C-alpha atoms as a PDB file:
ATOM      1  CA  MET A   1      92.721 110.036 117.736  1.00  0.00           C
ATOM      2  CA  PRO A   2      93.696 107.751 115.236  1.00  0.00           C
ATOM      3  CA  PHE A   3      97.198 107.804 114.703  1.00  0.00           C
ATOM      4  CA  LYS A   4      97.222 109.379 110.969  1.00  0.00           C
ATOM      5  CA  GLU A   5      95.042 112.499 112.349  1.00  0.00           C
ATOM      6  CA  ASN A   6      97.549 112.750 115.999  1.00  0.00           C
ATOM      7  CA  ILE A   7     100.286 113.853 112.844  1.00  0.00           C
ATOM      8  CA  THR A   8      98.313 115.056 111.256  1.00  0.00           C
ATOM      9  CA  ALA A   9      96.829 116.952 113.617  1.00  0.00           C
ATOM     10  CA  THR A  10     100.759 117.642 115.626  1.00  0.00           C
ATOM     11  CA  SER A  11     102.244 118.587 112.093  1.00  0.00           C
ATOM     12  CA  SER A  12      98.983 121.574 112.917  1.00  0.00           C
ATOM     13  CA  LYS A  13     100.222 122.991 115.837  1.00  0.00           C
ATOM     14  CA  ILE A  14     103.854 122.817 114.924  1.00  0.00           C
ATOM     15  CA  LEU A  15     102.935 124.928 111.756  1.00  0.00           C
ATOM     16  CA  GLU A  16     101.701 127.124 113.958  1.00  0.00           C
ATOM     17  CA  LEU A  17     104.499 127.430 116.344  1.00  0.00           C
ATOM     18  CA  LEU A  18     106.940 128.174 114.028  1.00  0.00           C
ATOM     19  CA  LYS A  19     103.892 131.105 112.052  1.00  0.00           C
ATOM     20  CA  ASP A  20     105.796 133.906 113.833  1.00  0.00           C
ATOM     21  CA  LYS A  21     108.944 132.282 114.281  1.00  0.00           C
ATOM     22  CA  GLU A  22     111.530 132.395 112.061  1.00  0.00           C
ATOM     23  CA  SER A  23     112.949 129.270 112.795  1.00  0.00           C
ATOM     24  CA  LEU A  24     113.161 126.590 116.256  1.00  0.00           C
ATOM     25  CA  THR A  25     114.668 124.380 116.973  1.00  0.00           C
ATOM     26  CA  SER A  26     113.221 120.602 117.121  1.00  0.00           C
ATOM     27  CA  TRP A  27     113.695 120.819 121.332  1.00  0.00           C
ATOM     28  CA  GLN A  28     111.659 124.127 121.443  1.00  0.00           C
ATOM     29  CA  ILE A  29     109.231 122.448 119.873  1.00  0.00           C
ATOM     30  CA  LYS A  30     109.209 119.001 121.835  1.00  0.00           C
ATOM     31  CA  VAL A  31     108.659 120.421 125.001  1.00  0.00           C
ATOM     32  CA  SER A  32     106.706 123.691 123.709  1.00  0.00           C
ATOM     33  CA  LEU A  33     104.216 120.624 122.767  1.00  0.00           C
ATOM     34  CA  ASN A  34     104.452 118.631 125.086  1.00  0.00           C
ATOM     35  CA  ILE A  35     104.904 115.829 123.142  1.00  0.00           C
ATOM     36  CA  SER A  36     106.638 112.679 122.140  1.00  0.00           C
ATOM     37  CA  SER A  37     110.163 112.159 119.843  1.00  0.00           C
ATOM     38  CA  SER A  38     108.707 109.891 117.487  1.00  0.00           C
ATOM     39  CA  LEU A  39     105.465 112.100 117.484  1.00  0.00           C
ATOM     40  CA  LEU A  40     107.763 114.974 116.929  1.00  0.00           C
ATOM     41  CA  TYR A  41     109.717 113.652 114.257  1.00  0.00           C
ATOM     42  CA  LEU A  42     107.279 111.805 112.669  1.00  0.00           C
ATOM     43  CA  ALA A  43     105.027 114.491 111.496  1.00  0.00           C
ATOM     44  CA  LEU A  44     108.325 116.962 111.122  1.00  0.00           C
ATOM     45  CA  GLY A  45     109.071 114.146 108.641  1.00  0.00           C
ATOM     46  CA  SER A  46     105.706 114.246 106.724  1.00  0.00           C
ATOM     47  CA  LEU A  47     106.139 118.544 106.295  1.00  0.00           C
ATOM     48  CA  GLU A  48     109.041 118.216 105.000  1.00  0.00           C
ATOM     49  CA  ASN A  49     107.531 115.655 102.362  1.00  0.00           C
ATOM     50  CA  GLN A  50     104.865 118.554 102.075  1.00  0.00           C
ATOM     51  CA  ASN A  51     108.048 120.887 102.000  1.00  0.00           C
ATOM     52  CA  LYS A  52     105.832 123.107 104.407  1.00  0.00           C
ATOM     53  CA  VAL A  53     109.306 123.109 106.375  1.00  0.00           C
ATOM     54  CA  THR A  54     113.033 123.021 105.574  1.00  0.00           C
ATOM     55  CA  ILE A  55     115.397 120.854 108.031  1.00  0.00           C
ATOM     56  CA  GLU A  56     118.647 120.661 109.147  1.00  0.00           C
ATOM     57  CA  PRO A  57     121.200 119.532 111.474  1.00  0.00           C
ATOM     58  CA  ASP A  58     121.643 121.741 114.331  1.00  0.00           C
ATOM     59  CA  GLY A  59     124.766 120.017 117.151  1.00  0.00           C
ATOM     60  CA  LEU A  60     122.413 117.044 118.635  1.00  0.00           C
ATOM     61  CA  ASN A  61     118.620 119.553 117.266  1.00  0.00           C
ATOM     62  CA  TYR A  62     117.516 120.403 113.937  1.00  0.00           C
ATOM     63  CA  LYS A  63     116.666 123.710 112.773  1.00  0.00           C
ATOM     64  CA  VAL A  64     113.229 124.011 112.097  1.00  0.00           C
ATOM     65  CA  THR A  65     112.480 126.337 109.067  1.00  0.00           C
ATOM     66  CA  LYS A  66     109.358 126.677 108.001  1.00  0.00           C
ATOM     67  CA  ILE A  67     108.376 127.701 103.990  1.00  0.00           C
ATOM     68  CA  ASN A  68     106.855 130.594 102.589  1.00  0.00           C
ATOM     69  CA  ALA A  69     104.952 130.121  99.937  1.00  0.00           C
END
């Protein structure tokens, strides 16, 4: 799968994980999807840039919350 498509697919999977949750940590997302940290943070950055999630520091991780528009 081309790199940009992989980021887009991962972004969609993250949104699906957040569908029924208030928020998840970056670690919970990484482990659930079994993805590299690089791919995780590229996908999260893409989602934040599109105003689909907020990302806040949470200890060693980040708290990721879906924006319900």
